[in-house]
Amino acid sequence: MKKYIGISIMAVAMGLGLTACDDFLDKLPDNRTEANTEEKIQKLLVAAYPTHDHMGFTEYASDNVDDMGESNPYTDRYLDQLYTWADVTETDNQDPESYWMDLYQCIETANMALEGIESMGGATTTTLKEMQAEALMCRAYAHFMLVNVFAMHYDSNNPNAVGVSYVTETEKELNPQYQRETVHENYKHIEADLEAALPYVGDSYYSVPKYHFNKNAAYAFATRFYLYYEKYDKVIEYANKVLGTNPRNMLRNYQHIATLPREWAQGQGPIPMFMIDANQNCNLLLLTSFSKQGVHFGPYYTGKRYSHNAYIGTNEDISALAGLWGGSYSSYLAQVFRYSGTNLNAWLNWRTPYLFEYTDPVAGIGYSHTVYNAFTGDEVLINRAEAYAMLKQYDKAYSDLTTWVRNVVVPAFQSFTVNKETIEAYLSKLSYSYDDDAHMVSTLKKHLHPKFAIDAEGSEQENLIQLILAVRRYETLTEGKRWFDIKRWGIEIPRRVMTSGGAPDHVNDWLKVDDPRRAIQIPLKVRDAGYEPNPRATSSDNGNQLIPDQYLLKN
């Protein structure tokens, strides 16, 4: 089902101009007055899931890429803006504006479904209860992604940090005005929707459950939400529901991946297609999007100025993590794809396929698509390990990490056990990234500056967190999720320019702990219509000046 709502929903809600669309905007879509049967609501809810993604702009904003230098011509203004944390003015199907509009469109659709159910006398049948739960989950998820992309991360000590608008009703007028809530208010609303939905989430009316908020997907979302909300008992509670008594059964089958041909097959090779196979237990919620992620971080990669390069792979994530069990990049069952040559320096994991929809086969034009995992069993296991670490239940965290390691490594390392001694023996040898005089050399460890309390650097808890962050970084490479750990844990990022030999040469910029650029800027069209923008420093220090008063919600 196509998203029939079009520009008339949140584009209007954010005050965009009514020009040639006047006639269209004056007519409410039919389903707004006819969402009064189970069949119609079921069809409506198909459109409550995003068809754009954040993966492109959050991956390029993270520390998963370096600048390969001005001699590399493979860039454009859009990628330059993403990499430098600039306010994005260029347009692309994966830009922040597309994602913002799409998520608010999903919210409007979810609200239509909820109001349709109410018009039928409420959720009086099992199917209607499940539909109501799905609509609430979609509304909660869309707001969760909006606040975590377009606002600073949740800080329990700062109740006034500005969030986004939480919308719980369909639009009743053509130009409504919305005010930004605080991040705390956003999280309270998300929790309310989530907890109202979870008891009733079901799979009975889905034809393909993995493309909807089935039970495991809903619980997986809860683990991420409560991890960000610092409610660690809740993370463990919902993770247990997904993982059961044998967590290995819910993890990606890396042993099978190791047997697959390393073929690309026009963007749909065996490995990326297996990664999104709806029959795999690990894949909990699959989403489709207009996306070139399979091009930017897949075998069609022909060299990019901003690259997950050999230096990062060796020193920060892939090989650096494998050092824990005494291995290297070759010790993973899913082998890293390494590219080198003139203007070509990349280490990649194939996670998202490249799917092309021809609108004109003769002219060879159309739309790029991909399918990606919003939630996986692997992430749920890592979330639980982090929750255990925060509660200082270290043996349970070690057990989860041992399960993860044994699932991803080749047979020679599958007896490896993660414990305090093995972590300390490895991590104690490593310096912290950027501690050298030039502030460029990096390791697996990075200084952490969270807004919540953890034990001192070098402690059992901090070492464990370092490992968990490294595991999640590996597990989500190219998916843009590293950005959220950078925000949550206050990880600072230098923007390094690399030499022709692939080593750090100099630093152009820093993303400091409280840099306002950690909140992606509200889209330009929305700001121009009067919506409150995110603050930006205006001093000569490349945006790193702290301006705490501007983080607060205006009275």
Protein backbone atom coordinates (compact mmCIF):
# COMPACT_ATOMS: atom_id res chain seq x y z
CA MET A 1 0.00 0.00 0.00
CA LYS A 2 1.44 3.34 -1.01
CA LYS A 3 1.56 6.18 1.46
CA TYR A 4 -1.40 8.12 0.14
CA ILE A 5 -1.02 10.83 2.78
CA GLY A 6 1.70 12.54 0.79
CA ILE A 7 2.77 16.06 1.66
CA SER A 8 -0.53 16.95 3.24
CA ILE A 9 0.21 15.60 6.69
CA MET A 10 3.26 16.73 8.63
CA ALA A 11 4.57 18.99 5.89
CA VAL A 12 1.45 21.03 6.53
CA ALA A 13 1.73 20.44 10.27
CA MET A 14 5.10 22.11 10.22
CA GLY A 15 3.73 25.05 8.30
CA LEU A 16 5.04 24.50 4.79
CA GLY A 17 3.61 26.79 2.17
CA LEU A 18 0.42 25.87 0.36
CA THR A 19 1.11 26.55 -3.29
CA ALA A 20 0.20 24.29 -6.19
CA CYS A 21 -1.06 21.68 -3.73
CA ASP A 22 -4.05 23.74 -2.57
CA ASP A 23 -6.67 21.64 -4.34
CA PHE A 24 -5.14 18.41 -3.09
CA LEU A 25 -4.77 19.65 0.47
CA ASP A 26 -8.40 20.72 0.61
CA LYS A 27 -9.46 17.08 0.17
CA LEU A 28 -8.89 14.68 3.03
CA PRO A 29 -7.81 11.19 1.93
CA ASP A 30 -10.73 8.76 1.82
CA ASN A 31 -9.35 6.50 4.54
CA ARG A 32 -9.48 9.36 7.03
CA THR A 33 -13.26 9.05 7.07
CA GLU A 34 -13.51 5.35 6.21
CA ALA A 35 -11.07 3.67 8.62
CA ASN A 36 -14.01 1.91 10.18
CA THR A 37 -13.45 -1.79 9.50
CA GLU A 38 -10.74 -4.22 10.55
CA GLU A 39 -9.73 -4.72 6.91
CA LYS A 40 -9.30 -1.00 6.28
CA ILE A 41 -7.35 -0.44 9.48
CA GLN A 42 -5.08 -3.36 8.66
CA LYS A 43 -4.31 -1.83 5.26
CA LEU A 44 -3.82 1.58 6.84
CA LEU A 45 -1.24 0.27 9.31
CA VAL A 46 0.98 -0.93 6.49
CA ALA A 47 1.73 2.76 5.92
CA ALA A 48 2.67 3.36 9.57
CA TYR A 49 6.23 2.12 9.01
CA PRO A 50 8.95 4.41 7.62
CA THR A 51 10.06 4.09 4.02
CA HIS A 52 13.11 6.32 4.51
CA ASP A 53 16.00 5.67 6.88
CA HIS A 54 18.60 7.41 8.99
CA MET A 55 21.41 4.99 8.12
CA GLY A 56 23.17 7.21 5.61
CA PHE A 57 23.37 10.43 7.55
CA THR A 58 24.01 8.89 10.98
CA GLU A 59 26.70 6.51 9.68
CA TYR A 60 28.59 9.35 7.99
CA ALA A 61 28.23 11.46 11.15
CA SER A 62 29.79 8.74 13.31
CA ASP A 63 33.38 7.69 13.94
CA ASN A 64 32.95 4.80 11.51
CA VAL A 65 34.41 6.92 8.69
CA ASP A 66 37.53 9.02 8.08
CA ASP A 67 38.35 11.66 5.46
CA MET A 68 40.62 10.07 2.87
CA GLY A 69 41.82 13.48 1.67
CA GLU A 70 41.14 16.10 -0.97
CA SER A 71 42.83 14.02 -3.66
CA ASN A 72 39.92 11.59 -3.46
CA PRO A 73 37.26 12.94 -5.84
CA TYR A 74 34.44 10.58 -4.82
CA THR A 75 32.24 12.88 -2.79
CA ASP A 76 29.57 15.53 -3.20
CA ARG A 77 28.20 18.43 -1.22
CA TYR A 78 25.61 16.23 0.50
CA LEU A 79 28.23 13.78 1.83
CA ASP A 80 30.48 16.70 2.80
CA GLN A 81 27.68 18.13 4.94
CA LEU A 82 26.98 14.81 6.63
CA TYR A 83 30.61 14.15 7.46
CA THR A 84 31.30 17.63 8.84
CA TRP A 85 28.10 17.72 10.96
CA ALA A 86 26.93 20.73 8.96
CA ASP A 87 23.26 21.66 8.74
CA VAL A 88 22.10 19.73 5.69
CA THR A 89 20.81 21.88 2.82
CA GLU A 90 21.22 19.33 0.02
CA THR A 91 18.40 16.95 -0.83
CA ASP A 92 18.55 13.18 -0.99
CA ASN A 93 16.15 10.30 -0.30
CA GLN A 94 18.27 9.54 2.78
CA ASP A 95 18.55 13.09 4.06
CA PRO A 96 17.28 14.26 7.48
CA GLU A 97 14.32 16.08 5.93
CA SER A 98 13.07 12.92 4.21
CA TYR A 99 13.36 10.99 7.45
CA TRP A 100 11.64 13.70 9.52
CA MET A 101 8.70 13.99 7.13
CA ASP A 102 8.37 10.24 6.79
CA LEU A 103 8.31 9.61 10.54
CA TYR A 104 5.66 12.24 11.17
CA GLN A 105 3.67 10.77 8.30
CA CYS A 106 3.87 7.39 10.05
CA ILE A 107 2.62 9.03 13.25
CA GLU A 108 -0.34 10.55 11.43
CA THR A 109 -1.20 7.16 9.95
CA ALA A 110 -0.98 5.48 13.36
CA ASN A 111 -3.24 8.15 14.83
CA MET A 112 -5.75 7.60 12.01
CA ALA A 113 -5.85 3.91 12.85
CA LEU A 114 -6.30 4.59 16.56
CA GLU A 115 -9.12 7.04 15.94
CA GLY A 116 -10.71 4.58 13.51
CA ILE A 117 -10.73 1.90 16.19
CA GLU A 118 -12.29 4.33 18.66
CA SER A 119 -14.98 5.19 16.10
CA MET A 120 -15.87 1.49 16.00
CA GLY A 121 -16.52 1.43 19.72
CA GLY A 122 -12.97 0.67 20.80
CA ALA A 123 -10.79 -2.42 20.68
CA THR A 124 -13.51 -4.96 21.44
CA THR A 125 -12.06 -7.94 19.56
CA THR A 126 -8.70 -9.70 19.70
CA THR A 127 -7.83 -8.44 16.24
CA LEU A 128 -8.71 -4.84 17.07
CA LYS A 129 -6.65 -5.05 20.27
CA GLU A 130 -3.67 -6.25 18.24
CA MET A 131 -4.22 -3.50 15.67
CA GLN A 132 -4.44 -0.89 18.39
CA ALA A 133 -1.21 -2.23 19.88
CA GLU A 134 0.52 -2.11 16.50
CA ALA A 135 -0.56 1.51 15.97
CA LEU A 136 0.72 2.48 19.42
CA MET A 137 4.04 0.73 18.76
CA CYS A 138 4.44 2.52 15.42
CA ARG A 139 3.66 5.87 17.03
CA ALA A 140 6.10 5.23 19.87
CA TYR A 141 8.86 4.05 17.54
CA ALA A 142 8.54 7.03 15.18
CA HIS A 143 8.72 9.50 18.07
CA PHE A 144 11.62 7.57 19.62
CA MET A 145 13.64 7.87 16.43
CA LEU A 146 12.72 11.54 16.01
CA VAL A 147 13.84 12.55 19.49
CA ASN A 148 17.04 10.51 19.31
CA VAL A 149 18.00 11.94 15.92
CA PHE A 150 16.84 15.55 16.21
CA ALA A 151 17.50 16.26 19.90
CA MET A 152 20.29 15.79 22.41
CA HIS A 153 20.34 12.44 24.16
CA TYR A 154 18.13 11.84 27.19
CA ASP A 155 19.75 13.17 30.37
CA SER A 156 18.00 12.31 33.63
CA ASN A 157 19.62 15.35 35.24
CA ASN A 158 18.35 17.83 32.67
CA PRO A 159 14.53 17.83 32.56
CA ASN A 160 14.39 20.92 30.34
CA ALA A 161 16.37 19.73 27.30
CA VAL A 162 14.33 20.40 24.18
CA GLY A 163 12.86 17.41 22.35
CA VAL A 164 10.39 17.16 19.48
CA SER A 165 6.61 17.46 19.10
CA TYR A 166 4.70 14.40 20.32
CA VAL A 167 1.56 14.12 18.20
CA THR A 168 -1.35 12.00 19.46
CA GLU A 169 -4.21 13.18 17.24
CA THR A 170 -4.77 13.42 13.52
CA GLU A 171 -4.70 16.85 11.97
CA LYS A 172 -8.05 18.55 11.92
CA GLU A 173 -6.92 21.72 10.13
CA LEU A 174 -4.60 22.53 7.26
CA ASN A 175 -2.04 24.58 9.15
CA PRO A 176 -1.79 23.46 12.78
CA GLN A 177 1.09 24.74 14.88
CA TYR A 178 3.16 22.33 16.98
CA GLN A 179 5.41 23.15 19.93
CA ARG A 180 8.49 21.19 20.93
CA GLU A 181 8.25 19.24 24.17
CA THR A 182 11.20 18.36 26.37
CA VAL A 183 13.12 15.13 25.89
CA HIS A 184 11.78 14.00 29.27
CA GLU A 185 8.21 14.58 28.13
CA ASN A 186 8.88 12.71 24.89
CA TYR A 187 10.23 9.72 26.82
CA LYS A 188 7.22 9.67 29.17
CA HIS A 189 4.87 9.62 26.18
CA ILE A 190 6.88 6.88 24.45
CA GLU A 191 6.82 4.77 27.60
CA ALA A 192 3.06 5.24 27.96
CA ASP A 193 2.41 4.13 24.38
CA LEU A 194 4.86 1.25 24.70
CA GLU A 195 3.45 -0.11 27.94
CA ALA A 196 -0.12 0.25 26.71
CA ALA A 197 0.74 -1.75 23.60
CA LEU A 198 3.00 -4.54 24.87
CA PRO A 199 0.32 -6.72 26.56
CA TYR A 200 -1.72 -6.85 23.36
CA VAL A 201 0.90 -7.13 20.61
CA GLY A 202 0.16 -10.20 18.54
CA ASP A 203 1.00 -11.84 15.25
CA SER A 204 -2.35 -13.35 14.33
CA TYR A 205 -3.37 -11.08 11.46
CA TYR A 206 0.05 -10.47 9.85
CA SER A 207 0.79 -12.13 6.53
CA VAL A 208 4.54 -11.45 6.98
CA PRO A 209 5.08 -10.82 10.74
CA LYS A 210 8.74 -9.77 10.40
CA TYR A 211 7.66 -6.58 8.59
CA HIS A 212 5.43 -5.57 11.51
CA PHE A 213 5.76 -5.07 15.24
CA ASN A 214 5.39 -8.73 16.15
CA LYS A 215 5.90 -9.73 19.78
CA ASN A 216 9.66 -10.18 19.63
CA ALA A 217 10.13 -6.93 17.69
CA ALA A 218 8.06 -5.06 20.28
CA TYR A 219 10.11 -6.50 23.14
CA ALA A 220 13.33 -5.70 21.27
CA PHE A 221 12.23 -2.08 20.89
CA ALA A 222 11.51 -2.03 24.61
CA THR A 223 15.07 -3.16 25.40
CA ARG A 224 16.56 -0.31 23.38
CA PHE A 225 14.16 2.27 24.73
CA TYR A 226 14.72 1.34 28.37
CA LEU A 227 18.47 1.16 27.86
CA TYR A 228 18.39 4.77 26.67
CA TYR A 229 15.97 5.61 29.51
CA GLU A 230 18.38 4.15 32.09
CA LYS A 231 15.82 1.62 33.37
CA TYR A 232 18.01 -1.44 33.28
CA ASP A 233 15.70 -3.90 35.04
CA LYS A 234 13.19 -3.30 32.26
CA VAL A 235 15.85 -3.98 29.63
CA ILE A 236 16.55 -7.37 31.18
CA GLU A 237 12.86 -8.17 31.62
CA TYR A 238 12.03 -7.67 27.96
CA ALA A 239 15.30 -9.14 26.66
CA ASN A 240 14.51 -12.36 28.50
CA LYS A 241 11.21 -12.60 26.64
CA VAL A 242 13.05 -12.47 23.31
CA LEU A 243 16.08 -14.61 24.13
CA GLY A 244 14.45 -17.34 26.20
CA THR A 245 16.56 -20.06 27.79
CA ASN A 246 18.87 -20.51 24.78
CA PRO A 247 19.91 -17.07 23.46
CA ARG A 248 22.07 -18.62 20.72
CA ASN A 249 18.89 -19.62 18.90
CA MET A 250 17.99 -15.95 18.46
CA LEU A 251 21.36 -14.86 17.06
CA ARG A 252 22.49 -14.51 13.46
CA ASN A 253 23.63 -17.77 11.87
CA TYR A 254 27.20 -16.73 11.10
CA GLN A 255 28.22 -20.33 10.49
CA HIS A 256 25.90 -20.39 7.49
CA ILE A 257 27.14 -16.99 6.30
CA ALA A 258 30.66 -18.43 6.22
CA THR A 259 29.49 -20.96 3.60
CA LEU A 260 27.85 -18.43 1.27
CA PRO A 261 29.50 -17.33 -2.00
CA ARG A 262 31.07 -13.89 -1.84
CA GLU A 263 29.02 -12.71 -4.82
CA TRP A 264 27.17 -9.45 -5.29
CA ALA A 265 24.79 -10.38 -8.13
CA GLN A 266 23.57 -6.89 -9.01
CA GLY A 267 23.12 -5.87 -5.40
CA GLN A 268 21.32 -9.02 -4.30
CA GLY A 269 24.11 -11.45 -3.51
CA PRO A 270 23.69 -14.40 -1.12
CA ILE A 271 25.21 -12.66 1.90
CA PRO A 272 23.19 -9.40 2.00
CA MET A 273 20.01 -11.26 1.07
CA PHE A 274 20.56 -13.74 3.90
CA MET A 275 21.07 -10.80 6.25
CA ILE A 276 17.46 -9.72 5.63
CA ASP A 277 15.89 -13.18 5.38
CA ALA A 278 12.55 -13.01 7.19
CA ASN A 279 12.86 -16.70 8.09
CA GLN A 280 15.88 -16.10 10.32
CA ASN A 281 15.12 -15.97 14.04
CA CYS A 282 17.56 -13.10 14.56
CA ASN A 283 15.68 -10.73 12.24
CA LEU A 284 12.95 -9.28 14.43
CA LEU A 285 11.70 -6.27 12.45
CA LEU A 286 12.58 -5.64 8.81
CA LEU A 287 11.96 -2.26 7.19
CA THR A 288 12.20 -1.16 3.58
CA SER A 289 13.46 2.24 2.52
CA PHE A 290 14.45 4.45 -0.38
CA SER A 291 18.16 4.06 0.17
CA LYS A 292 21.59 3.76 -1.41
CA GLN A 293 23.12 2.20 1.68
CA GLY A 294 23.98 -0.91 -0.31
CA VAL A 295 25.96 1.32 -2.68
CA HIS A 296 27.70 3.47 -0.09
CA PHE A 297 28.66 0.49 2.07
CA GLY A 298 28.50 -2.50 -0.23
CA PRO A 299 30.36 -4.15 -3.11
CA TYR A 300 29.27 -1.42 -5.54
CA TYR A 301 31.59 0.73 -3.47
CA THR A 302 34.03 2.25 -5.98
CA GLY A 303 35.91 4.44 -3.53
CA LYS A 304 34.59 7.14 -1.27
CA ARG A 305 36.32 10.12 0.26
CA TYR A 306 34.67 9.31 3.61
CA SER A 307 35.43 5.69 4.28
CA HIS A 308 35.40 2.95 6.90
CA ASN A 309 39.03 2.35 6.09
CA ALA A 310 41.73 -0.14 6.95
CA TYR A 311 43.01 2.10 9.75
CA ILE A 312 39.65 2.09 11.55
CA GLY A 313 39.14 -1.61 10.90
CA THR A 314 42.59 -2.49 12.21
CA ASN A 315 42.83 -0.14 15.19
CA GLU A 316 39.27 0.61 16.32
CA ASP A 317 36.71 -2.06 15.54
CA ILE A 318 37.06 -5.25 13.48
CA SER A 319 40.62 -6.44 14.14
CA ALA A 320 40.83 -4.39 17.33
CA LEU A 321 37.88 -6.31 18.79
CA ALA A 322 39.26 -9.64 17.57
CA GLY A 323 42.39 -8.99 19.64
CA LEU A 324 40.30 -9.93 22.68
CA TRP A 325 40.36 -13.60 21.66
CA GLY A 326 43.76 -13.43 20.02
CA GLY A 327 42.45 -13.21 16.47
CA SER A 328 42.39 -10.72 13.61
CA TYR A 329 39.92 -9.79 10.86
CA SER A 330 40.19 -13.37 9.55
CA SER A 331 38.93 -14.87 12.82
CA TYR A 332 35.31 -13.91 12.10
CA LEU A 333 32.96 -16.34 10.38
CA ALA A 334 31.63 -13.41 8.32
CA GLN A 335 34.77 -12.31 6.54
CA VAL A 336 35.36 -8.61 6.10
CA PHE A 337 35.56 -7.34 2.52
CA ARG A 338 38.77 -5.35 2.11
CA TYR A 339 39.28 -2.98 -0.79
CA SER A 340 42.49 -1.17 -1.65
CA GLY A 341 43.87 0.75 -4.61
CA THR A 342 43.98 4.26 -5.98
CA ASN A 343 41.36 6.26 -4.05
CA LEU A 344 40.10 2.97 -2.64
CA ASN A 345 40.58 2.08 1.02
CA ALA A 346 37.70 0.35 2.76
CA TRP A 347 36.84 -2.51 5.09
CA LEU A 348 33.17 -3.43 4.73
CA ASN A 349 30.61 -5.91 5.99
CA TRP A 350 27.78 -6.55 3.54
CA ARG A 351 24.66 -5.98 5.61
CA THR A 352 22.14 -4.27 3.32
CA PRO A 353 21.26 -5.25 -0.24
CA TYR A 354 20.92 -2.82 -3.11
CA LEU A 355 17.51 -3.15 -4.74
CA PHE A 356 16.55 -1.04 -7.73
CA GLU A 357 12.98 -0.25 -8.81
CA TYR A 358 12.79 0.77 -12.47
CA THR A 359 10.19 3.39 -13.24
CA ASP A 360 11.40 3.52 -16.85
CA PRO A 361 13.35 0.39 -17.86
CA VAL A 362 14.17 1.80 -21.27
CA ALA A 363 15.72 4.95 -19.85
CA GLY A 364 17.23 2.94 -16.98
CA ILE A 365 15.86 5.24 -14.28
CA GLY A 366 14.04 4.54 -11.04
CA TYR A 367 14.51 4.37 -7.28
CA SER A 368 17.16 2.77 -5.08
CA HIS A 369 15.85 0.69 -2.21
CA THR A 370 17.11 -1.52 0.56
CA VAL A 371 15.76 -3.72 3.34
CA TYR A 372 17.35 -3.45 6.77
CA ASN A 373 17.01 -4.73 10.31
CA ALA A 374 15.44 -2.27 12.72
CA PHE A 375 15.92 -4.81 15.54
CA THR A 376 17.78 -8.10 15.84
CA GLY A 377 18.22 -10.79 18.47
CA ASP A 378 21.94 -9.95 18.47
CA GLU A 379 21.20 -6.36 19.52
CA VAL A 380 18.86 -7.60 22.25
CA LEU A 381 21.64 -9.79 23.69
CA ILE A 382 24.09 -6.86 23.64
CA ASN A 383 21.50 -4.57 25.25
CA ARG A 384 21.00 -7.10 28.05
CA ALA A 385 24.75 -7.39 28.57
CA GLU A 386 24.96 -3.61 28.94
CA ALA A 387 22.06 -3.57 31.39
CA TYR A 388 23.78 -6.28 33.46
CA ALA A 389 27.00 -4.24 33.40
CA MET A 390 25.21 -1.10 34.58
CA LEU A 391 23.65 -3.09 37.44
CA LYS A 392 27.08 -4.63 38.20
CA GLN A 393 25.83 -8.14 37.55
CA TYR A 394 29.10 -8.82 35.81
CA ASP A 395 28.99 -12.62 35.56
CA LYS A 396 25.72 -12.42 33.62
CA ALA A 397 27.18 -9.78 31.31
CA TYR A 398 30.26 -11.96 30.72
CA SER A 399 28.00 -14.89 29.91
CA ASP A 400 26.08 -12.91 27.28
CA LEU A 401 29.31 -11.66 25.71
CA THR A 402 30.72 -15.19 25.65
CA THR A 403 27.58 -16.30 23.80
CA TRP A 404 28.06 -13.51 21.28
CA VAL A 405 31.78 -14.17 20.71
CA ARG A 406 31.30 -17.90 20.21
CA ASN A 407 28.61 -17.17 17.64
CA VAL A 408 30.76 -14.90 15.45
CA VAL A 409 34.22 -16.51 15.51
CA VAL A 410 35.73 -19.36 13.50
CA PRO A 411 35.89 -22.79 15.21
CA ALA A 412 39.45 -22.26 16.50
CA PHE A 413 38.18 -19.60 18.92
CA GLN A 414 34.75 -20.96 19.84
CA SER A 415 35.90 -22.15 23.25
CA PHE A 416 36.94 -18.63 24.26
CA THR A 417 35.36 -17.35 27.47
CA VAL A 418 34.82 -13.69 28.28
CA ASN A 419 35.56 -12.88 31.90
CA LYS A 420 37.17 -10.17 34.00
CA GLU A 421 40.66 -11.58 33.51
CA THR A 422 40.47 -11.90 29.71
CA ILE A 423 39.04 -8.39 29.33
CA GLU A 424 41.57 -6.78 31.63
CA ALA A 425 44.48 -8.68 30.10
CA TYR A 426 43.61 -7.27 26.69
CA LEU A 427 42.27 -3.81 27.45
CA SER A 428 45.01 -2.93 29.93
CA LYS A 429 47.50 -3.04 27.04
CA LEU A 430 45.56 -0.45 25.08
CA SER A 431 45.84 3.30 25.48
CA TYR A 432 42.78 5.47 25.08
CA SER A 433 42.14 6.91 21.66
CA TYR A 434 43.47 10.40 20.89
CA ASP A 435 45.69 10.57 24.00
CA ASP A 436 48.83 11.15 21.90
CA ASP A 437 50.14 14.65 21.31
CA ALA A 438 48.65 14.83 17.82
CA HIS A 439 45.21 13.67 19.03
CA MET A 440 44.76 11.28 16.13
CA VAL A 441 45.94 7.78 17.01
CA SER A 442 43.06 5.53 18.06
CA THR A 443 42.40 2.16 19.66
CA LEU A 444 39.35 0.15 20.59
CA LYS A 445 39.02 2.23 23.79
CA LYS A 446 37.61 5.75 23.81
CA HIS A 447 37.08 8.07 26.75
CA LEU A 448 33.46 7.92 27.88
CA HIS A 449 31.60 10.99 29.16
CA PRO A 450 28.03 9.84 29.87
CA LYS A 451 25.57 12.03 31.76
CA PHE A 452 24.96 9.13 34.15
CA ALA A 453 27.48 7.71 36.61
CA ILE A 454 29.83 4.79 35.95
CA ASP A 455 32.95 3.63 37.72
CA ALA A 456 36.37 5.11 36.96
CA GLU A 457 38.41 4.37 33.86
CA GLY A 458 40.14 1.03 34.15
CA SER A 459 37.53 -0.36 36.55
CA GLU A 460 35.79 -3.67 35.93
CA GLN A 461 32.60 -1.85 34.94
CA GLU A 462 34.28 0.60 32.58
CA ASN A 463 36.33 -2.16 30.90
CA LEU A 464 33.17 -4.18 30.41
CA ILE A 465 31.34 -1.20 28.90
CA GLN A 466 34.25 -0.60 26.50
CA LEU A 467 33.92 -4.16 25.26
CA ILE A 468 30.14 -3.99 24.95
CA LEU A 469 30.37 -0.79 22.89
CA ALA A 470 32.96 -2.44 20.64
CA VAL A 471 30.72 -5.48 20.16
CA ARG A 472 27.72 -3.32 19.27
CA ARG A 473 29.85 -1.24 16.92
CA TYR A 474 30.91 -4.36 15.03
CA GLU A 475 27.41 -5.82 14.99
CA THR A 476 25.86 -2.64 13.52
CA LEU A 477 28.57 -1.47 11.10
CA THR A 478 27.08 0.48 8.15
CA GLU A 479 23.63 0.64 9.83
CA GLY A 480 24.04 4.10 11.36
CA LYS A 481 23.40 2.88 14.92
CA ARG A 482 26.88 3.70 16.21
CA TRP A 483 25.82 7.38 16.24
CA PHE A 484 23.40 6.75 19.10
CA ASP A 485 26.11 5.15 21.26
CA ILE A 486 28.31 8.17 20.55
CA LYS A 487 25.54 10.41 21.86
CA ARG A 488 24.64 8.24 24.85
CA TRP A 489 28.20 7.75 26.02
CA GLY A 490 29.58 11.20 25.21
CA ILE A 491 32.25 9.84 22.88
CA GLU A 492 34.28 12.60 21.25
CA ILE A 493 35.22 12.40 17.56
CA PRO A 494 38.09 14.07 15.74
CA ARG A 495 37.69 14.62 12.02
CA ARG A 496 40.95 13.19 10.74
CA VAL A 497 42.37 13.63 7.27
CA MET A 498 44.32 10.54 6.24
CA THR A 499 47.54 10.37 4.25
CA SER A 500 47.76 8.64 0.87
CA GLY A 501 49.13 5.67 2.81
CA GLY A 502 46.00 5.50 4.98
CA ALA A 503 47.42 6.86 8.26
CA PRO A 504 46.14 9.89 10.23
CA ASP A 505 47.70 13.14 9.00
CA HIS A 506 45.89 15.99 10.74
CA VAL A 507 42.62 16.92 12.43
CA ASN A 508 40.15 19.41 10.95
CA ASP A 509 37.45 19.43 13.63
CA TRP A 510 36.26 17.86 16.89
CA LEU A 511 32.84 16.81 18.07
CA LYS A 512 33.10 17.46 21.79
CA VAL A 513 30.97 16.09 24.61
CA ASP A 514 28.29 18.81 24.63
CA ASP A 515 28.62 19.94 21.05
CA PRO A 516 25.14 21.01 19.88
CA ARG A 517 25.76 19.32 16.53
CA ARG A 518 25.06 15.99 18.24
CA ALA A 519 21.40 16.90 17.64
CA ILE A 520 20.83 16.74 13.88
CA GLN A 521 19.41 20.07 12.76
CA ILE A 522 15.66 20.38 12.17
CA PRO A 523 15.08 20.36 8.37
CA LEU A 524 15.43 23.73 6.69
CA LYS A 525 11.87 23.86 5.32
CA VAL A 526 10.48 23.13 8.76
CA ARG A 527 12.63 25.81 10.36
CA ASP A 528 11.67 28.31 7.68
CA ALA A 529 8.04 27.66 8.56
CA GLY A 530 8.67 28.79 12.13
CA TYR A 531 9.55 25.57 13.96
CA GLU A 532 12.14 26.05 16.70
CA PRO A 533 15.60 25.06 15.41
CA ASN A 534 18.29 23.23 17.31
CA PRO A 535 20.94 25.60 18.67
CA ARG A 536 24.26 25.99 16.93
CA ALA A 537 27.39 27.64 18.29
CA THR A 538 28.53 30.65 16.28
CA SER A 539 32.04 31.11 17.66
CA SER A 540 35.21 30.56 15.68
CA ASP A 541 35.96 27.24 17.34
CA ASN A 542 34.14 25.16 14.70
CA GLY A 543 30.97 24.83 16.74
CA ASN A 544 32.50 23.37 19.88
CA GLN A 545 31.72 26.27 22.25
CA LEU A 546 29.30 25.19 24.95
CA ILE A 547 26.04 27.10 25.04
CA PRO A 548 24.05 25.30 27.75
CA ASP A 549 21.28 27.90 27.98
CA GLN A 550 20.29 27.14 24.41
CA TYR A 551 19.81 23.44 25.21
CA LEU A 552 16.86 24.38 27.40
CA LEU A 553 13.29 24.49 26.25
CA LYS A 554 12.13 28.07 25.88
CA ASN A 555 9.33 29.23 28.14
